[in-house]
Protein backbone atom coordinates (compact mmCIF):
# COMPACT_ATOMS: atom_id res chain seq x y z
CA MET A 1 21.00 2.38 3.52
CA ALA A 2 22.69 2.69 6.88
CA ALA A 3 21.43 -0.10 9.53
CA ILE A 4 18.29 0.25 11.17
CA VAL A 5 17.82 1.14 14.30
CA LEU A 6 14.44 2.35 15.88
CA PRO A 7 13.33 3.14 18.81
CA LEU A 8 10.79 1.06 20.69
CA LEU A 9 7.69 3.56 21.41
CA ALA A 10 5.60 2.35 24.26
CA PRO A 11 2.03 2.46 23.76
CA SER A 12 -0.42 3.96 26.19
CA ALA A 13 -1.47 1.60 29.27
CA ASN A 14 -4.96 3.61 28.21
CA THR A 15 -4.23 2.26 24.16
CA VAL A 16 -7.32 0.32 22.66
CA VAL A 17 -6.50 -0.78 19.54
CA GLN A 18 -9.51 -0.27 16.96
CA THR A 19 -9.45 -3.33 13.87
CA PRO A 20 -11.59 -3.29 10.49
CA THR A 21 -14.56 -5.59 10.46
CA PHE A 22 -14.34 -8.44 8.20
CA ASP A 23 -17.70 -10.10 8.23
CA ALA A 24 -20.40 -11.72 5.27
CA ALA A 25 -20.41 -8.11 4.25
CA PHE A 26 -16.64 -7.52 3.21
CA TRP A 27 -16.36 -11.38 1.93
CA LYS A 28 -19.57 -11.28 -0.22
CA GLN A 29 -17.52 -8.05 -1.93
CA TRP A 30 -13.84 -9.88 -2.01
CA GLY A 31 -14.19 -13.70 -1.64
CA ASP A 32 -15.54 -13.95 -5.23
CA GLY A 33 -11.96 -15.07 -6.36
CA GLN A 34 -11.75 -11.98 -8.68
CA ALA A 35 -9.27 -9.24 -8.48
CA GLU A 36 -10.53 -5.10 -8.29
CA LEU A 37 -7.37 -3.44 -10.93
CA SER A 38 -7.66 0.54 -11.38
CA GLY A 39 -5.52 3.02 -13.32
CA TYR A 40 -4.51 6.16 -12.13
CA ASP A 41 -3.38 9.33 -14.13
CA LEU A 42 -0.19 9.70 -11.57
CA THR A 43 2.17 12.33 -11.42
CA PHE A 44 5.58 12.24 -8.63
CA PRO A 45 7.77 14.01 -7.82
CA ARG A 46 11.30 12.85 -8.17
CA TYR A 47 15.09 14.58 -8.40
CA GLY A 48 12.99 17.77 -7.75
CA GLN A 49 10.38 17.73 -10.50
CA PRO A 50 7.36 16.52 -11.07
CA ARG A 51 7.14 13.19 -12.82
CA ARG A 52 4.08 12.01 -15.59
CA GLY A 53 3.65 8.02 -14.84
CA VAL A 54 0.33 5.66 -14.91
CA ALA A 55 -0.01 3.73 -11.41
CA VAL A 56 -2.18 0.50 -11.30
CA THR A 57 -4.12 -0.80 -7.74
CA ILE A 58 -4.66 -4.22 -7.51
CA PHE A 59 -6.89 -5.34 -4.46
CA VAL A 60 -7.70 -9.15 -4.10
CA THR A 61 -7.66 -11.49 -1.20
CA GLU A 62 -5.42 -14.42 -1.17
CA THR A 63 -4.56 -17.25 1.53
CA PHE A 64 -1.06 -16.48 3.08
CA SER A 65 1.51 -19.36 4.68
CA ASN A 66 1.86 -17.96 7.76
CA ALA A 67 6.14 -20.31 7.39
CA LEU A 68 6.89 -18.79 4.53
CA ARG A 69 4.75 -15.51 4.48
CA VAL A 70 3.74 -15.69 0.79
CA LYS A 71 0.40 -17.26 -0.89
CA SER A 72 -0.11 -20.80 -0.03
CA ASP A 73 -0.78 -23.10 -3.06
CA PRO A 74 -4.08 -25.15 -2.02
CA GLY A 75 -2.86 -28.34 -0.29
CA ARG A 76 0.50 -27.38 0.06
CA HIS A 77 0.10 -26.29 3.40
CA PRO A 78 -1.33 -26.84 6.94
CA ALA A 79 -4.53 -25.38 8.30
CA SER A 80 -3.16 -23.82 11.54
CA ASP A 81 -0.07 -22.07 8.87
CA GLU A 82 -2.29 -20.68 6.47
CA PHE A 83 -4.76 -16.87 7.05
CA SER A 84 -6.21 -15.29 4.95
CA VAL A 85 -5.19 -11.57 3.70
CA MET A 86 -5.94 -8.78 1.83
CA LYS A 87 -3.35 -7.87 -0.67
CA LEU A 88 -2.47 -5.03 -2.80
CA ASN A 89 -0.23 -4.41 -5.19
CA LEU A 90 0.61 -0.92 -5.94
CA VAL A 91 2.54 -0.43 -9.53
CA GLU A 92 3.75 3.02 -10.41
CA ASP A 93 5.98 3.94 -13.51
CA TYR A 94 7.25 7.45 -14.82
CA GLN A 95 10.14 8.76 -16.64
CA THR A 96 12.75 10.65 -15.51
CA GLY A 97 14.33 12.20 -18.40
CA ILE A 98 16.28 9.44 -20.68
CA TYR A 99 15.34 6.23 -18.37
CA ASP A 100 11.99 5.40 -16.42
CA TYR A 101 11.35 4.02 -13.00
CA ASN A 102 8.95 1.48 -12.09
CA ASP A 103 8.34 0.34 -8.95
CA MET A 104 5.97 -1.99 -6.69
CA THR A 105 5.22 -2.58 -3.46
CA SER A 106 3.35 -4.91 -2.10
CA ILE A 107 1.32 -4.82 1.01
CA PHE A 108 -0.13 -7.80 3.09
CA VAL A 109 -2.87 -7.12 5.97
CA ALA A 110 -4.21 -10.11 7.89
CA LEU A 111 -8.29 -10.62 8.23
CA ALA A 112 -7.81 -12.43 11.19
CA PRO A 113 -5.83 -12.42 14.29
CA VAL A 114 -1.91 -14.13 13.92
CA ASN A 115 0.97 -13.63 15.11
CA GLY A 116 -0.22 -11.92 18.50
CA ARG A 117 -1.63 -9.08 15.78
CA PRO A 118 -5.19 -8.19 15.55
CA ALA A 119 -6.74 -8.48 12.45
CA GLY A 120 -6.59 -5.57 10.19
CA SER A 121 -2.95 -5.47 10.97
CA ALA A 122 -0.07 -5.37 8.01
CA ALA A 123 1.96 -9.31 7.84
CA LYS A 124 4.41 -8.31 5.55
CA ILE A 125 5.32 -5.34 3.03
CA SER A 126 7.71 -5.60 0.13
CA PHE A 127 9.22 -3.28 -2.43
CA SER A 128 11.08 -3.51 -5.54
CA SER A 129 12.56 -0.73 -8.08
CA GLN A 130 14.21 -1.13 -10.95
CA GLU A 131 15.49 1.97 -13.15
CA TRP A 132 18.24 2.01 -15.09
CA CYS A 133 20.97 2.28 -13.00
CA GLY A 134 20.28 -0.71 -11.26
CA HIS A 135 17.47 -2.54 -8.97
CA THR A 136 16.67 -2.73 -4.82
CA PHE A 137 14.85 -4.75 -2.74
CA GLN A 138 13.49 -4.14 0.30
CA GLN A 139 11.11 -6.34 2.55
CA LEU A 140 9.52 -6.34 6.35
CA LEU A 141 7.97 -9.27 8.22
CA PHE A 142 5.97 -8.28 10.85
CA ASP A 143 5.72 -10.80 14.18
CA ALA A 144 4.11 -10.27 17.01
CA ARG A 145 5.76 -7.35 18.60
CA ALA A 146 8.82 -7.02 16.37
CA ILE A 147 9.72 -6.89 12.59
CA ARG A 148 12.26 -8.18 10.05
CA ALA A 149 13.84 -6.54 7.79
CA THR A 150 15.77 -7.60 4.48
CA SER A 151 17.02 -5.04 2.04
CA HIS A 152 19.92 -4.95 -1.06
CA SER A 153 20.30 -2.39 -3.06
CA TYR A 154 23.32 -1.98 -5.74
CA PHE A 155 24.48 1.21 -3.96
CA ASP A 156 27.55 0.49 -2.45
CA GLY A 157 26.86 1.12 1.57
CA GLU A 158 23.20 -0.37 0.71
CA ALA A 159 24.37 -3.57 -0.39
CA ASP A 160 22.50 -6.58 1.57
CA GLN A 161 21.62 -5.97 5.00
CA GLN A 162 19.14 -7.76 7.39
CA SER A 163 17.72 -6.71 11.01
CA ARG A 164 15.20 -6.83 13.61
CA PHE A 165 12.98 -3.69 15.44
CA ASP A 166 10.34 -3.00 17.73
CA ASP A 167 7.04 -2.66 16.16
CA PRO A 168 4.99 -0.45 18.83
CA ALA A 169 0.49 -0.95 19.15
CA GLU A 170 -1.10 1.21 16.84
CA GLY A 171 1.69 1.50 15.05
CA ILE A 172 0.77 1.92 11.27
CA SER A 173 3.32 1.77 8.06
CA GLU A 174 2.13 4.78 5.14
CA ASP A 175 2.60 2.00 2.88
CA GLU A 176 -0.79 1.07 4.19
CA LEU A 177 -2.46 4.10 3.58
CA LEU A 178 -4.55 3.31 0.60
CA LEU A 179 -5.67 0.25 2.39
CA TRP A 180 -6.33 1.85 5.53
CA ALA A 181 -8.85 4.63 4.22
CA ARG A 182 -10.98 2.07 2.73
CA GLY A 183 -11.53 0.47 6.27
CA MET A 184 -9.01 -2.25 5.50
CA ALA A 185 -6.10 -1.79 8.01
CA ALA A 186 -5.88 -0.93 11.25
CA PRO A 187 -6.15 1.65 13.57
CA LYS A 188 -10.13 2.09 12.14
CA LEU A 189 -11.99 5.28 12.77
CA VAL A 190 -15.42 6.62 12.93
CA PRO A 191 -16.71 9.87 10.72
CA GLY A 192 -14.87 12.62 12.54
CA GLU A 193 -12.12 10.92 14.35
CA ARG A 194 -9.08 12.02 14.72
CA ARG A 195 -5.84 9.63 16.27
CA GLU A 196 -2.16 10.07 16.98
CA VAL A 197 -0.44 6.64 16.19
CA PRO A 198 3.40 6.05 15.17
CA PHE A 199 4.05 5.90 11.82
CA LEU A 200 6.86 3.77 9.89
CA THR A 201 8.27 5.63 6.70
CA SER A 202 7.52 3.93 3.75
CA LEU A 203 9.96 1.63 1.74
CA GLN A 204 9.97 3.51 -1.05
CA ALA A 205 10.54 7.18 0.76
CA SER A 206 13.34 5.04 2.52
CA ARG A 207 14.87 3.63 -0.51
CA GLN A 208 14.69 7.17 -2.73
CA GLN A 209 16.06 9.61 0.27
CA HIS A 210 18.74 6.85 1.40
CA ALA A 211 17.10 7.21 4.59
CA PRO A 212 16.87 4.71 7.23
CA LEU A 213 13.18 3.77 8.22
CA SER A 214 11.48 5.37 11.32
CA TRP A 215 8.69 5.91 13.52
CA ARG A 216 7.40 9.00 13.76
CA ARG A 217 3.92 10.30 15.18
CA ALA A 218 1.08 10.99 12.87
CA THR A 219 -2.07 12.12 13.23
CA LEU A 220 -4.53 9.98 11.08
CA SER A 221 -8.14 11.70 10.64
CA ARG A 222 -11.69 10.98 8.61
CA SER A 223 -13.59 13.60 7.65
CA ALA A 224 -17.18 13.98 9.79
CA ARG A 225 -18.95 13.69 6.05
CA PRO A 226 -18.46 13.38 2.61
CA GLN A 227 -17.80 16.00 0.42
CA GLN A 228 -18.30 15.94 -3.47
CA ILE A 229 -15.30 16.07 -5.88
CA SER A 230 -14.50 15.52 -9.80
CA GLY A 231 -11.95 13.63 -12.24
CA PRO A 232 -11.71 11.80 -14.91
CA LEU A 233 -14.62 10.12 -14.23
CA GLY A 234 -16.62 12.53 -13.28
CA LYS A 235 -18.35 13.25 -9.68
CA PHE A 236 -18.08 11.07 -6.49
CA SER A 237 -19.07 11.88 -3.17
CA VAL A 238 -15.99 10.93 -0.58
CA GLU A 239 -14.66 10.18 2.40
CA VAL A 240 -11.33 12.36 2.90
CA TRP A 241 -8.48 10.77 5.03
CA THR A 242 -5.06 12.01 5.88
CA ALA A 243 -2.07 11.16 7.69
CA ALA A 244 -0.58 14.43 9.02
CA ILE A 245 3.31 14.47 10.11
CA PRO A 246 4.50 18.26 12.16
CA GLY A 247 7.21 18.78 9.50
CA GLY A 248 6.61 16.18 6.95
CA VAL A 249 5.38 14.73 4.43
CA GLN A 250 0.95 15.40 4.52
CA ARG A 251 -0.97 12.50 2.85
CA THR A 252 -5.09 12.77 1.59
CA VAL A 253 -6.94 9.42 0.34
CA TYR A 254 -10.23 9.88 -0.98
CA VAL A 255 -12.18 7.19 -1.32
CA GLU A 256 -15.92 6.79 -2.82
CA ALA A 257 -18.16 6.95 0.19
CA ALA A 258 -20.21 3.90 -1.49
CA GLU A 259 -19.63 0.45 -1.49
CA PRO A 260 -16.81 -0.40 -2.76
CA HIS A 261 -15.41 2.64 -1.63
CA ARG A 262 -12.78 2.70 -4.44
CA VAL A 263 -9.67 5.04 -4.60
CA ILE A 264 -10.70 8.46 -6.72
CA ARG A 265 -7.86 10.00 -5.63
CA TRP A 266 -4.69 10.24 -3.91
CA GLU A 267 -2.27 13.12 -3.28
CA ALA A 268 1.06 14.52 -0.81
CA SER A 269 2.00 17.80 0.25
CA ASN A 270 5.34 16.74 -1.54
CA GLY A 271 3.88 17.28 -5.34
CA GLU A 272 2.63 13.38 -5.52
CA HIS A 273 -0.99 12.98 -7.27
CA ALA A 274 -3.21 10.42 -8.60
CA GLU A 275 -6.48 10.62 -10.38
CA LEU A 276 -8.96 7.26 -11.39
CA LEU A 277 -9.21 6.76 -14.45
CA GLY A 278 -10.72 3.23 -14.69
CA SER A 279 -11.55 0.13 -12.77
CA ARG A 280 -13.14 -3.32 -13.00
CA ARG A 281 -13.05 -6.84 -11.04
CA MET A 282 -11.05 -9.61 -13.28
CA LYS A 283 -8.76 -12.88 -12.66
CA TYR A 284 -6.40 -10.51 -14.16
CA TRP A 285 -4.09 -13.38 -13.84
CA GLU A 286 -5.58 -15.41 -16.61
CA MET A 287 -5.85 -13.08 -19.29
CA ASN A 288 -1.70 -12.84 -20.19
CA ARG A 289 -2.51 -13.60 -23.83
CA GLU A 290 -2.59 -11.87 -27.24
CA GLY A 291 -5.26 -9.93 -27.83
CA PHE A 292 -6.08 -9.05 -23.83
CA GLU A 293 -4.81 -6.29 -23.94
CA THR A 294 -8.23 -4.36 -24.49
CA ALA A 295 -9.14 -4.70 -21.14
CA LEU A 296 -6.73 -2.09 -20.49
CA LYS A 297 -9.50 0.40 -21.30
CA ASP A 298 -11.64 -0.49 -18.84
CA LEU A 299 -9.00 0.59 -16.71
CA GLY A 300 -8.01 4.01 -18.84
CA LEU A 301 -4.85 2.91 -19.56
CA SER A 302 -3.50 1.49 -23.34
CA ARG A 303 -1.23 -0.74 -24.51
CA ARG A 304 2.74 0.09 -24.28
CA PRO A 305 3.39 1.76 -27.88
CA PRO A 306 5.92 0.26 -30.13
CA ARG A 307 9.80 2.25 -29.01
CA THR A 308 11.65 1.88 -32.18
CA THR A 309 11.62 3.98 -35.36
């Protein structure tokens, strides 16, 4: 990937940043020490063909160290260094011919103002991809008005890079869309509202297209009223959230209208498609012993089968 040099998109003097509200009702749902895990039937376009696979989303609140930009262990950091985040780990596994891809994107959105940025702003985004040719890693750290970028790749010309670029007001990353559609990332939209914002290429797209990260303009929209859709789990009343880039990929997220606003489906104009298979709240990090594989059924998934004959 070439060095990341992005133009600054200056905010309008009339720009008003609409931010989510993380109130008592939010913390009643998300402050119980558990994570929400969901499994999806995934179709992902790669090498010009649709690939079948699975996706897993993990939504969980954490206490974050501002100095290290990682989850803070209790008692290791002063209170002045800590803030709360909503973390989304998006895991996507799919087969491409003889070998498979294992992609993971981690997004950390601040639940309170920090570093001169409002609540609902990204604090960190990282992406890794493992496949039989090699592995890559990219990371973005969001400061007051700038983003620090680091990338490592097995491709010649992309190996090890660091850069810093501007972060325009009201800018949102493509990687934040599932959080944004659940009301966890700015900008907040009311039903029926549309808003044009600076839009940053996802780390996954940048990696797979061997293209530099770039700010473009995208129109975000929220449906005026819920609609009915059907999927593997039956019928749902959903709100429809879209991000449209002129001449680019349009992404649509279908979010459960009722609390806790789970992501029921997402799709893109390039053929990407995911359908919810199951969901459960749990402390999955405590479920790593033999026998806990049975909990995968709640996510609509199964244990990996033997791969030898």
